[in-house]
C-alpha atoms as a PDB file:
ATOM      1  CA  UNK A   1      80.086 143.038 145.899  1.00  0.00           C
ATOM      2  CA  UNK A   2      78.555 143.521 149.377  1.00  0.00           C
ATOM      3  CA  UNK A   3      80.333 144.395 152.649  1.00  0.00           C
ATOM      4  CA  UNK A   4      78.773 142.024 155.188  1.00  0.00           C
ATOM      5  CA  UNK A   5      79.223 142.209 158.927  1.00  0.00           C
ATOM      6  CA  UNK A   6      79.345 139.149 161.188  1.00  0.00           C
ATOM      7  CA  UNK A   7      76.240 140.191 163.121  1.00  0.00           C
ATOM      8  CA  UNK A   8      74.351 140.940 159.931  1.00  0.00           C
ATOM      9  CA  UNK A   9      75.315 137.606 158.480  1.00  0.00           C
ATOM     10  CA  UNK A  10      73.805 135.764 161.484  1.00  0.00           C
ATOM     11  CA  UNK A  11      70.718 137.903 161.330  1.00  0.00           C
ATOM     12  CA  UNK A  12      70.312 137.103 157.605  1.00  0.00           C
ATOM     13  CA  UNK A  13      70.807 133.361 158.161  1.00  0.00           C
ATOM     14  CA  UNK A  14      68.080 133.372 160.833  1.00  0.00           C
ATOM     15  CA  UNK A  15      65.776 135.459 158.721  1.00  0.00           C
ATOM     16  CA  UNK A  16      66.275 133.093 155.719  1.00  0.00           C
ATOM     17  CA  UNK A  17      65.581 130.070 157.958  1.00  0.00           C
ATOM     18  CA  UNK A  18      62.367 131.618 159.321  1.00  0.00           C
ATOM     19  CA  UNK A  19      61.223 132.483 155.811  1.00  0.00           C
ATOM     20  CA  UNK A  20      62.013 129.035 154.438  1.00  0.00           C
ATOM     21  CA  UNK A  21      60.576 126.813 157.167  1.00  0.00           C
ATOM     22  CA  UNK A  22      57.548 127.591 159.379  1.00  0.00           C
ATOM     23  CA  UNK A  23      58.875 125.136 161.893  1.00  0.00           C
ATOM     24  CA  UNK A  24      61.719 127.486 162.782  1.00  0.00           C
ATOM     25  CA  UNK A  25      61.128 129.655 165.830  1.00  0.00           C
ATOM     26  CA  UNK A  26      63.198 131.685 168.311  1.00  0.00           C
ATOM     27  CA  UNK A  27      63.228 131.845 172.096  1.00  0.00           C
ATOM     28  CA  UNK A  28      65.244 134.374 174.097  1.00  0.00           C
ATOM     29  CA  UNK A  29      65.383 137.465 176.263  1.00  0.00           C
ATOM     30  CA  UNK A  30      64.956 140.767 174.446  1.00  0.00           C
ATOM     31  CA  UNK A  31      64.774 139.048 171.071  1.00  0.00           C
ATOM     32  CA  UNK A  32      61.999 141.295 170.043  1.00  0.00           C
ATOM     33  CA  UNK A  33      64.234 144.281 170.370  1.00  0.00           C
ATOM     34  CA  UNK A  34      67.149 142.423 168.803  1.00  0.00           C
ATOM     35  CA  UNK A  35      69.623 143.822 171.346  1.00  0.00           C
ATOM     36  CA  UNK A  36      72.315 141.234 170.489  1.00  0.00           C
ATOM     37  CA  UNK A  37      71.885 141.761 166.762  1.00  0.00           C
ATOM     38  CA  UNK A  38      70.868 138.153 165.934  1.00  0.00           C
ATOM     39  CA  UNK A  39      67.132 138.835 165.894  1.00  0.00           C
ATOM     40  CA  UNK A  40      67.058 142.469 164.914  1.00  0.00           C
ATOM     41  CA  UNK A  41      63.773 143.252 163.075  1.00  0.00           C
ATOM     42  CA  UNK A  42      62.671 139.647 163.016  1.00  0.00           C
ATOM     43  CA  UNK A  43      59.795 139.881 165.475  1.00  0.00           C
ATOM     44  CA  UNK A  44      58.273 142.697 163.426  1.00  0.00           C
ATOM     45  CA  UNK A  45      58.688 140.614 160.334  1.00  0.00           C
ATOM     46  CA  UNK A  46      57.630 137.194 161.566  1.00  0.00           C
ATOM     47  CA  UNK A  47      55.558 137.942 164.604  1.00  0.00           C
ATOM     48  CA  UNK A  48      55.745 137.478 168.354  1.00  0.00           C
ATOM     49  CA  UNK A  49      54.456 133.919 168.016  1.00  0.00           C
ATOM     50  CA  UNK A  50      57.662 132.854 166.263  1.00  0.00           C
ATOM     51  CA  UNK A  51      60.177 135.217 167.696  1.00  0.00           C
ATOM     52  CA  UNK A  52      59.318 134.896 171.315  1.00  0.00           C
ATOM     53  CA  UNK A  53      60.406 137.161 174.119  1.00  0.00           C
ATOM     54  CA  UNK A  54      60.699 134.987 177.232  1.00  0.00           C
ATOM     55  CA  UNK A  55      60.921 135.611 181.024  1.00  0.00           C
ATOM     56  CA  UNK A  56      64.261 135.741 182.722  1.00  0.00           C
ATOM     57  CA  UNK A  57      64.684 131.971 183.224  1.00  0.00           C
ATOM     58  CA  UNK A  58      67.209 130.296 180.887  1.00  0.00           C
ATOM     59  CA  UNK A  59      66.431 126.878 182.291  1.00  0.00           C
ATOM     60  CA  UNK A  60      62.714 127.377 181.621  1.00  0.00           C
ATOM     61  CA  UNK A  61      62.939 128.525 178.058  1.00  0.00           C
ATOM     62  CA  UNK A  62      65.693 126.103 177.132  1.00  0.00           C
ATOM     63  CA  UNK A  63      63.438 123.282 178.362  1.00  0.00           C
ATOM     64  CA  UNK A  64      60.577 124.759 176.336  1.00  0.00           C
ATOM     65  CA  UNK A  65      62.836 124.816 173.248  1.00  0.00           C
ATOM     66  CA  UNK A  66      63.632 121.100 173.800  1.00  0.00           C
ATOM     67  CA  UNK A  67      60.009 120.290 174.102  1.00  0.00           C
ATOM     68  CA  UNK A  68      59.228 122.259 170.954  1.00  0.00           C
ATOM     69  CA  UNK A  69      61.961 120.413 169.090  1.00  0.00           C
ATOM     70  CA  UNK A  70      60.636 117.045 170.226  1.00  0.00           C
ATOM     71  CA  UNK A  71      57.304 118.064 168.814  1.00  0.00           C
ATOM     72  CA  UNK A  72      58.531 118.893 165.279  1.00  0.00           C
ATOM     73  CA  UNK A  73      59.685 122.519 165.668  1.00  0.00           C
ATOM     74  CA  UNK A  74      63.205 123.796 164.955  1.00  0.00           C
ATOM     75  CA  UNK A  75      63.833 126.255 167.785  1.00  0.00           C
ATOM     76  CA  UNK A  76      66.746 128.680 167.958  1.00  0.00           C
ATOM     77  CA  UNK A  77      67.621 129.737 171.488  1.00  0.00           C
ATOM     78  CA  UNK A  78      69.536 132.934 171.980  1.00  0.00           C
ATOM     79  CA  UNK A  79      71.688 133.224 175.184  1.00  0.00           C
ATOM     80  CA  UNK A  80      73.100 136.749 175.628  1.00  0.00           C
ATOM     81  CA  UNK A  81      75.916 135.760 177.945  1.00  0.00           C
ATOM     82  CA  UNK A  82      78.195 132.619 177.525  1.00  0.00           C
ATOM     83  CA  UNK A  83      78.096 131.841 181.277  1.00  0.00           C
ATOM     84  CA  UNK A  84      74.358 131.191 180.994  1.00  0.00           C
ATOM     85  CA  UNK A  85      75.343 127.965 179.251  1.00  0.00           C
ATOM     86  CA  UNK A  86      76.372 126.626 182.696  1.00  0.00           C
ATOM     87  CA  UNK A  87      72.752 127.100 183.876  1.00  0.00           C
ATOM     88  CA  UNK A  88      71.384 125.022 180.965  1.00  0.00           C
ATOM     89  CA  UNK A  89      74.119 122.453 180.683  1.00  0.00           C
ATOM     90  CA  UNK A  90      71.939 119.747 182.184  1.00  0.00           C
ATOM     91  CA  UNK A  91      69.137 120.396 179.754  1.00  0.00           C
ATOM     92  CA  UNK A  92      71.474 120.342 176.726  1.00  0.00           C
ATOM     93  CA  UNK A  93      73.987 117.635 177.682  1.00  0.00           C
ATOM     94  CA  UNK A  94      71.790 115.274 179.645  1.00  0.00           C
ATOM     95  CA  UNK A  95      68.456 115.732 177.887  1.00  0.00           C
ATOM     96  CA  UNK A  96      68.587 117.269 174.428  1.00  0.00           C
ATOM     97  CA  UNK A  97      71.786 115.509 173.381  1.00  0.00           C
ATOM     98  CA  UNK A  98      70.694 112.065 174.672  1.00  0.00           C
ATOM     99  CA  UNK A  99      67.057 111.834 173.550  1.00  0.00           C
ATOM    100  CA  UNK A 100      67.918 110.579 170.075  1.00  0.00           C
ATOM    101  CA  UNK A 101      70.551 108.200 171.293  1.00  0.00           C
ATOM    102  CA  UNK A 102      68.405 106.724 174.061  1.00  0.00           C
ATOM    103  CA  UNK A 103      65.444 106.204 171.796  1.00  0.00           C
ATOM    104  CA  UNK A 104      67.274 104.579 168.892  1.00  0.00           C
ATOM    105  CA  UNK A 105      66.644 107.600 166.767  1.00  0.00           C
ATOM    106  CA  UNK A 106      62.883 107.584 167.344  1.00  0.00           C
ATOM    107  CA  UNK A 107      63.106 111.073 168.887  1.00  0.00           C
ATOM    108  CA  UNK A 108      64.898 114.039 167.345  1.00  0.00           C
ATOM    109  CA  UNK A 109      65.855 117.295 168.955  1.00  0.00           C
ATOM    110  CA  UNK A 110      66.723 119.829 166.157  1.00  0.00           C
ATOM    111  CA  UNK A 111      67.631 122.621 168.586  1.00  0.00           C
ATOM    112  CA  UNK A 112      70.134 125.387 167.926  1.00  0.00           C
ATOM    113  CA  UNK A 113      71.688 127.443 170.779  1.00  0.00           C
ATOM    114  CA  UNK A 114      73.501 130.636 169.752  1.00  0.00           C
ATOM    115  CA  UNK A 115      75.674 132.832 171.975  1.00  0.00           C
ATOM    116  CA  UNK A 116      76.089 136.114 170.021  1.00  0.00           C
ATOM    117  CA  UNK A 117      79.145 137.568 171.797  1.00  0.00           C
ATOM    118  CA  UNK A 118      80.848 134.645 173.562  1.00  0.00           C
ATOM    119  CA  UNK A 119      84.218 135.113 175.301  1.00  0.00           C
ATOM    120  CA  UNK A 120      85.398 138.407 176.694  1.00  0.00           C
ATOM    121  CA  UNK A 121      84.017 141.775 175.829  1.00  0.00           C
ATOM    122  CA  UNK A 122      85.315 145.092 177.178  1.00  0.00           C
ATOM    123  CA  UNK A 123      85.538 144.537 180.979  1.00  0.00           C
ATOM    124  CA  UNK A 124      82.642 142.131 181.412  1.00  0.00           C
ATOM    125  CA  UNK A 125      84.464 140.357 184.224  1.00  0.00           C
ATOM    126  CA  UNK A 126      84.510 136.799 185.512  1.00  0.00           C
ATOM    127  CA  UNK A 127      80.885 135.709 185.180  1.00  0.00           C
ATOM    128  CA  UNK A 128      80.349 137.107 181.615  1.00  0.00           C
ATOM    129  CA  UNK A 129      83.549 136.293 179.780  1.00  0.00           C
ATOM    130  CA  UNK A 130      83.860 132.518 179.545  1.00  0.00           C
ATOM    131  CA  UNK A 131      84.405 130.588 176.320  1.00  0.00           C
ATOM    132  CA  UNK A 132      83.141 127.119 177.344  1.00  0.00           C
ATOM    133  CA  UNK A 133      83.037 125.526 173.890  1.00  0.00           C
ATOM    134  CA  UNK A 134      85.317 122.727 175.027  1.00  0.00           C
ATOM    135  CA  UNK A 135      82.713 121.637 177.539  1.00  0.00           C
ATOM    136  CA  UNK A 136      80.099 121.003 174.890  1.00  0.00           C
ATOM    137  CA  UNK A 137      82.583 119.348 172.486  1.00  0.00           C
ATOM    138  CA  UNK A 138      83.611 117.026 175.289  1.00  0.00           C
ATOM    139  CA  UNK A 139      80.075 115.648 175.839  1.00  0.00           C
ATOM    140  CA  UNK A 140      79.576 115.221 172.129  1.00  0.00           C
ATOM    141  CA  UNK A 141      77.238 118.097 171.241  1.00  0.00           C
ATOM    142  CA  UNK A 142      77.893 119.584 167.818  1.00  0.00           C
ATOM    143  CA  UNK A 143      79.880 122.726 168.604  1.00  0.00           C
ATOM    144  CA  UNK A 144      80.580 125.525 166.192  1.00  0.00           C
ATOM    145  CA  UNK A 145      82.810 128.698 166.316  1.00  0.00           C
ATOM    146  CA  UNK A 146      82.715 130.509 163.001  1.00  0.00           C
ATOM    147  CA  UNK A 147      85.368 133.234 162.463  1.00  0.00           C
ATOM    148  CA  UNK A 148      84.027 135.116 159.439  1.00  0.00           C
ATOM    149  CA  UNK A 149      80.688 136.506 158.314  1.00  0.00           C
ATOM    150  CA  UNK A 150      80.221 133.948 155.504  1.00  0.00           C
ATOM    151  CA  UNK A 151      81.002 131.098 157.854  1.00  0.00           C
ATOM    152  CA  UNK A 152      78.665 132.604 160.487  1.00  0.00           C
ATOM    153  CA  UNK A 153      75.879 132.556 157.904  1.00  0.00           C
ATOM    154  CA  UNK A 154      76.756 129.134 156.561  1.00  0.00           C
ATOM    155  CA  UNK A 155      77.208 127.371 159.912  1.00  0.00           C
ATOM    156  CA  UNK A 156      74.128 128.904 161.501  1.00  0.00           C
ATOM    157  CA  UNK A 157      72.085 127.876 158.383  1.00  0.00           C
ATOM    158  CA  UNK A 158      73.357 124.270 158.720  1.00  0.00           C
ATOM    159  CA  UNK A 159      72.796 124.220 162.473  1.00  0.00           C
ATOM    160  CA  UNK A 160      69.110 125.102 162.104  1.00  0.00           C
ATOM    161  CA  UNK A 161      68.659 122.431 159.504  1.00  0.00           C
ATOM    162  CA  UNK A 162      70.482 119.742 161.593  1.00  0.00           C
ATOM    163  CA  UNK A 163      68.367 117.132 163.384  1.00  0.00           C
ATOM    164  CA  UNK A 164      70.646 117.196 166.478  1.00  0.00           C
ATOM    165  CA  UNK A 165      71.304 119.857 169.090  1.00  0.00           C
ATOM    166  CA  UNK A 166      73.951 122.373 168.017  1.00  0.00           C
ATOM    167  CA  UNK A 167      75.681 125.050 170.045  1.00  0.00           C
ATOM    168  CA  UNK A 168      77.118 127.949 168.032  1.00  0.00           C
ATOM    169  CA  UNK A 169      79.599 130.322 169.672  1.00  0.00           C
ATOM    170  CA  UNK A 170      79.817 133.699 167.953  1.00  0.00           C
ATOM    171  CA  UNK A 171      82.963 135.185 169.479  1.00  0.00           C
ATOM    172  CA  UNK A 172      82.733 138.728 170.716  1.00  0.00           C
ATOM    173  CA  UNK A 173      86.103 139.312 169.132  1.00  0.00           C
ATOM    174  CA  UNK A 174      84.707 138.467 165.699  1.00  0.00           C
ATOM    175  CA  UNK A 175      81.426 140.461 165.773  1.00  0.00           C
ATOM    176  CA  UNK A 176      83.060 143.542 164.321  1.00  0.00           C
ATOM    177  CA  UNK A 177      84.566 141.629 161.368  1.00  0.00           C
ATOM    178  CA  UNK A 178      83.296 142.633 157.896  1.00  0.00           C
ATOM    179  CA  UNK A 179      83.816 140.684 154.683  1.00  0.00           C
ATOM    180  CA  UNK A 180      83.494 141.469 150.964  1.00  0.00           C
ATOM    181  CA  UNK A 181      80.890 138.986 149.649  1.00  0.00           C
ATOM    182  CA  UNK A 182      80.759 138.449 145.896  1.00  0.00           C
ATOM    183  CA  UNK A 183      78.885 135.107 145.768  1.00  0.00           C
ATOM    184  CA  UNK A 184      75.512 134.010 147.216  1.00  0.00           C
ATOM    185  CA  UNK A 185      75.587 133.001 150.872  1.00  0.00           C
ATOM    186  CA  UNK A 186      75.289 129.248 151.310  1.00  0.00           C
ATOM    187  CA  UNK A 187      75.213 126.699 154.124  1.00  0.00           C
ATOM    188  CA  UNK A 188      78.642 125.443 155.390  1.00  0.00           C
ATOM    189  CA  UNK A 189      78.860 121.766 156.166  1.00  0.00           C
ATOM    190  CA  UNK A 190      79.183 120.953 159.860  1.00  0.00           C
ATOM    191  CA  UNK A 191      82.434 119.097 160.483  1.00  0.00           C
ATOM    192  CA  UNK A 192      84.494 120.706 157.639  1.00  0.00           C
ATOM    193  CA  UNK A 193      87.610 122.795 158.479  1.00  0.00           C
ATOM    194  CA  UNK A 194      88.842 125.667 156.331  1.00  0.00           C
ATOM    195  CA  UNK A 195      92.439 126.599 155.331  1.00  0.00           C
ATOM    196  CA  UNK A 196      92.551 130.402 155.380  1.00  0.00           C
ATOM    197  CA  UNK A 197      96.190 130.588 154.374  1.00  0.00           C
ATOM    198  CA  UNK A 198      98.407 127.872 152.864  1.00  0.00           C
ATOM    199  CA  UNK A 199     101.863 127.335 154.213  1.00  0.00           C
ATOM    200  CA  UNK A 200     104.723 124.775 154.361  1.00  0.00           C
ATOM    201  CA  UNK A 201     106.586 125.299 157.633  1.00  0.00           C
ATOM    202  CA  UNK A 202     104.015 125.304 160.462  1.00  0.00           C
ATOM    203  CA  UNK A 203     100.305 124.789 160.913  1.00  0.00           C
ATOM    204  CA  UNK A 204      98.531 127.212 163.207  1.00  0.00           C
ATOM    205  CA  UNK A 205      95.085 125.932 164.247  1.00  0.00           C
ATOM    206  CA  UNK A 206      93.105 128.961 165.367  1.00  0.00           C
ATOM    207  CA  UNK A 207      89.629 129.034 166.857  1.00  0.00           C
ATOM    208  CA  UNK A 208      87.036 131.714 166.246  1.00  0.00           C
ATOM    209  CA  UNK A 209      88.230 135.309 166.392  1.00  0.00           C
ATOM    210  CA  UNK A 210      91.787 134.102 166.806  1.00  0.00           C
ATOM    211  CA  UNK A 211      91.842 133.150 163.163  1.00  0.00           C
ATOM    212  CA  UNK A 212      92.217 136.829 162.399  1.00  0.00           C
ATOM    213  CA  UNK A 213      95.064 137.150 164.888  1.00  0.00           C
ATOM    214  CA  UNK A 214      96.788 134.137 163.312  1.00  0.00           C
ATOM    215  CA  UNK A 215      96.441 135.554 159.825  1.00  0.00           C
ATOM    216  CA  UNK A 216      97.992 138.835 160.946  1.00  0.00           C
ATOM    217  CA  UNK A 217     100.900 137.095 162.654  1.00  0.00           C
ATOM    218  CA  UNK A 218     101.378 134.826 159.593  1.00  0.00           C
ATOM    219  CA  UNK A 219     101.616 137.930 157.355  1.00  0.00           C
ATOM    220  CA  UNK A 220     104.002 139.606 159.751  1.00  0.00           C
ATOM    221  CA  UNK A 221     106.315 136.599 159.766  1.00  0.00           C
ATOM    222  CA  UNK A 222     106.038 135.844 155.984  1.00  0.00           C
ATOM    223  CA  UNK A 223     109.637 136.660 155.324  1.00  0.00           C
ATOM    224  CA  UNK A 224     110.761 134.356 158.085  1.00  0.00           C
ATOM    225  CA  UNK A 225     108.400 131.357 158.022  1.00  0.00           C
ATOM    226  CA  UNK A 226     105.570 129.924 155.901  1.00  0.00           C
ATOM    227  CA  UNK A 227     102.498 129.595 158.140  1.00  0.00           C
ATOM    228  CA  UNK A 228      99.372 127.631 157.281  1.00  0.00           C
ATOM    229  CA  UNK A 229      96.316 128.884 159.126  1.00  0.00           C
ATOM    230  CA  UNK A 230      93.689 126.168 159.694  1.00  0.00           C
ATOM    231  CA  UNK A 231      90.224 127.141 161.066  1.00  0.00           C
ATOM    232  CA  UNK A 232      88.424 124.044 162.404  1.00  0.00           C
ATOM    233  CA  UNK A 233      85.105 126.002 162.336  1.00  0.00           C
ATOM    234  CA  UNK A 234      83.462 122.949 163.843  1.00  0.00           C
ATOM    235  CA  UNK A 235      85.082 121.962 167.156  1.00  0.00           C
ATOM    236  CA  UNK A 236      82.985 118.851 167.428  1.00  0.00           C
ATOM    237  CA  UNK A 237      82.981 116.850 165.254  1.00  0.00           C
ATOM    238  CA  UNK A 238      86.585 117.878 164.523  1.00  0.00           C
ATOM    239  CA  UNK A 239      87.807 117.631 160.963  1.00  0.00           C
ATOM    240  CA  UNK A 240      90.649 115.313 161.834  1.00  0.00           C
ATOM    241  CA  UNK A 241      91.404 114.588 158.169  1.00  0.00           C
ATOM    242  CA  UNK A 242      92.009 118.261 157.430  1.00  0.00           C
ATOM    243  CA  UNK A 243      94.292 118.515 160.420  1.00  0.00           C
ATOM    244  CA  UNK A 244      96.306 115.441 159.463  1.00  0.00           C
ATOM    245  CA  UNK A 245      96.578 116.632 155.856  1.00  0.00           C
ATOM    246  CA  UNK A 246      97.853 120.040 156.979  1.00  0.00           C
ATOM    247  CA  UNK A 247     100.370 118.520 159.345  1.00  0.00           C
ATOM    248  CA  UNK A 248     101.523 116.253 156.551  1.00  0.00           C
ATOM    249  CA  UNK A 249     102.606 119.364 154.667  1.00  0.00           C
ATOM    250  CA  UNK A 250     104.200 121.192 157.628  1.00  0.00           C
ATOM    251  CA  UNK A 251     105.131 118.779 160.317  1.00  0.00           C
ATOM    252  CA  UNK A 252     104.833 121.431 163.003  1.00  0.00           C
ATOM    253  CA  UNK A 253     101.838 122.542 165.065  1.00  0.00           C
ATOM    254  CA  UNK A 254     100.715 125.567 167.119  1.00  0.00           C
ATOM    255  CA  UNK A 255      97.132 125.838 168.481  1.00  0.00           C
ATOM    256  CA  UNK A 256      95.719 129.179 169.555  1.00  0.00           C
ATOM    257  CA  UNK A 257      92.537 128.775 171.585  1.00  0.00           C
ATOM    258  CA  UNK A 258      90.649 131.330 173.767  1.00  0.00           C
ATOM    259  CA  UNK A 259      89.657 128.885 176.437  1.00  0.00           C
ATOM    260  CA  UNK A 260      91.357 127.587 179.621  1.00  0.00           C
ATOM    261  CA  UNK A 261      94.463 125.537 179.038  1.00  0.00           C
ATOM    262  CA  UNK A 262      93.810 122.433 181.160  1.00  0.00           C
ATOM    263  CA  UNK A 263      91.693 119.834 179.286  1.00  0.00           C
ATOM    264  CA  UNK A 264      90.849 122.485 176.689  1.00  0.00           C
ATOM    265  CA  UNK A 265      90.182 122.216 172.991  1.00  0.00           C
ATOM    266  CA  UNK A 266      93.843 122.902 172.156  1.00  0.00           C
ATOM    267  CA  UNK A 267      94.829 119.799 174.196  1.00  0.00           C
ATOM    268  CA  UNK A 268      92.541 117.606 172.031  1.00  0.00           C
ATOM    269  CA  UNK A 269      94.108 118.974 168.808  1.00  0.00           C
ATOM    270  CA  UNK A 270      97.570 118.284 170.143  1.00  0.00           C
ATOM    271  CA  UNK A 271      96.477 114.737 171.144  1.00  0.00           C
ATOM    272  CA  UNK A 272      95.110 113.980 167.640  1.00  0.00           C
ATOM    273  CA  UNK A 273      98.368 115.276 166.113  1.00  0.00           C
ATOM    274  CA  UNK A 274     100.465 113.088 168.452  1.00  0.00           C
ATOM    275  CA  UNK A 275      98.330 109.995 167.772  1.00  0.00           C
ATOM    276  CA  UNK A 276      98.094 110.371 163.986  1.00  0.00           C
ATOM    277  CA  UNK A 277     100.944 112.468 162.673  1.00  0.00           C
ATOM    278  CA  UNK A 278     104.729 112.465 162.637  1.00  0.00           C
ATOM    279  CA  UNK A 279     105.771 115.860 163.989  1.00  0.00           C
ATOM    280  CA  UNK A 280     109.165 117.445 163.465  1.00  0.00           C
ATOM    281  CA  UNK A 281     108.993 119.341 166.802  1.00  0.00           C
ATOM    282  CA  UNK A 282     106.949 119.280 169.983  1.00  0.00           C
ATOM    283  CA  UNK A 283     103.673 121.147 169.455  1.00  0.00           C
ATOM    284  CA  UNK A 284     102.752 124.295 171.333  1.00  0.00           C
ATOM    285  CA  UNK A 285      99.509 125.779 172.762  1.00  0.00           C
ATOM    286  CA  UNK A 286      98.598 129.417 173.189  1.00  0.00           C
ATOM    287  CA  UNK A 287      95.616 129.649 175.502  1.00  0.00           C
ATOM    288  CA  UNK A 288      94.116 131.279 178.563  1.00  0.00           C
ATOM    289  CA  UNK A 289      95.944 130.065 181.697  1.00  0.00           C
ATOM    290  CA  UNK A 290      94.707 127.019 183.691  1.00  0.00           C
ATOM    291  CA  UNK A 291      91.433 127.837 185.433  1.00  0.00           C
ATOM    292  CA  UNK A 292      91.420 131.460 184.188  1.00  0.00           C
ATOM    293  CA  UNK A 293      88.710 133.804 185.516  1.00  0.00           C
ATOM    294  CA  UNK A 294      88.880 137.115 183.656  1.00  0.00           C
ATOM    295  CA  UNK A 295      88.941 140.102 186.026  1.00  0.00           C
ATOM    296  CA  UNK A 296      87.011 143.361 185.573  1.00  0.00           C
ATOM    297  CA  UNK A 297      90.102 145.473 185.006  1.00  0.00           C
ATOM    298  CA  UNK A 298      90.468 145.643 181.219  1.00  0.00           C
ATOM    299  CA  UNK A 299      94.295 145.437 181.187  1.00  0.00           C
ATOM    300  CA  UNK A 300      94.186 142.329 183.320  1.00  0.00           C
ATOM    301  CA  UNK A 301      91.367 140.856 181.230  1.00  0.00           C
ATOM    302  CA  UNK A 302      93.541 141.241 178.094  1.00  0.00           C
ATOM    303  CA  UNK A 303      96.624 139.854 179.833  1.00  0.00           C
ATOM    304  CA  UNK A 304      94.932 136.517 180.404  1.00  0.00           C
ATOM    305  CA  UNK A 305      93.837 136.086 176.742  1.00  0.00           C
ATOM    306  CA  UNK A 306      95.990 134.642 173.956  1.00  0.00           C
ATOM    307  CA  UNK A 307      98.092 137.404 172.472  1.00  0.00           C
ATOM    308  CA  UNK A 308      99.841 137.884 169.183  1.00  0.00           C
ATOM    309  CA  UNK A 309     103.206 138.031 170.879  1.00  0.00           C
ATOM    310  CA  UNK A 310     102.644 134.658 172.475  1.00  0.00           C
ATOM    311  CA  UNK A 311     101.688 133.203 169.058  1.00  0.00           C
ATOM    312  CA  UNK A 312     104.800 134.623 167.441  1.00  0.00           C
ATOM    313  CA  UNK A 313     106.963 133.074 170.171  1.00  0.00           C
ATOM    314  CA  UNK A 314     105.233 129.675 169.805  1.00  0.00           C
ATOM    315  CA  UNK A 315     105.716 129.639 166.046  1.00  0.00           C
ATOM    316  CA  UNK A 316     109.384 130.382 166.393  1.00  0.00           C
ATOM    317  CA  UNK A 317     109.730 127.788 169.137  1.00  0.00           C
ATOM    318  CA  UNK A 318     108.483 124.927 166.939  1.00  0.00           C
ATOM    319  CA  UNK A 319     110.966 125.906 164.242  1.00  0.00           C
ATOM    320  CA  UNK A 320     113.967 125.485 166.469  1.00  0.00           C
END
């Protein structure tokens, strides 16, 4: 049995991919030093020609990664701050995502973008604390948000092997998670949800690090309500079948999602449930507020994020 951290799991997945396939390479700032944990020790092992420190221009090295992917490589791009995704949205959504579609599959862009530490960290303020996974899911880019070390390993492994662009959000709130691993680490299929806890009264769909919050609240309320915790893992494509199956057991839905409320991922889950399921009560969302910009003050930062108390209240509300 091995105690595996989330950051180490991602590092191992990338190392295994570099070892297995010479087409895999890495572009990013400070990747040689491995400051974010994803690439720690990999430049020394695989060389600066495959783990490439780049100048401070996200648009430039993302474009270079797209070009490399079009020419048969499988680049992994590390972005240290989630807000940098706004800078490269044009390259990812309008170029990388559309090449294959607009060429009838003649061109492939097997590009993986990883944000190791997305969402809020301790007082990183408005321009460093976004969680824009809904934006990429909306335009149809494969979008991942693993909650556990084994899922981080498995989904990153699958992303690197995928022939389409993939954006993987590694939530800051999950980076400290450790997991006892007894079996070999294996790829996790993109598009497959995971039930972390079975239940019969209410389904809680939790994204990323909020899976652990949901599990804690479910345990706290165990004498009061039977909570099923469903982790989509892949936000796009969403595992609609798993959601429908879970709601067929419980008939009640709460979604906890660390992104802005309006037009967010939670709204899509509620829409799927309304279209395809017969619910026993109106569903609830626990999210950041509409248009939230997290302030520098840590207490205010935390006040705008989904809290366990809000989740408890939402679960009790759908039971009334």
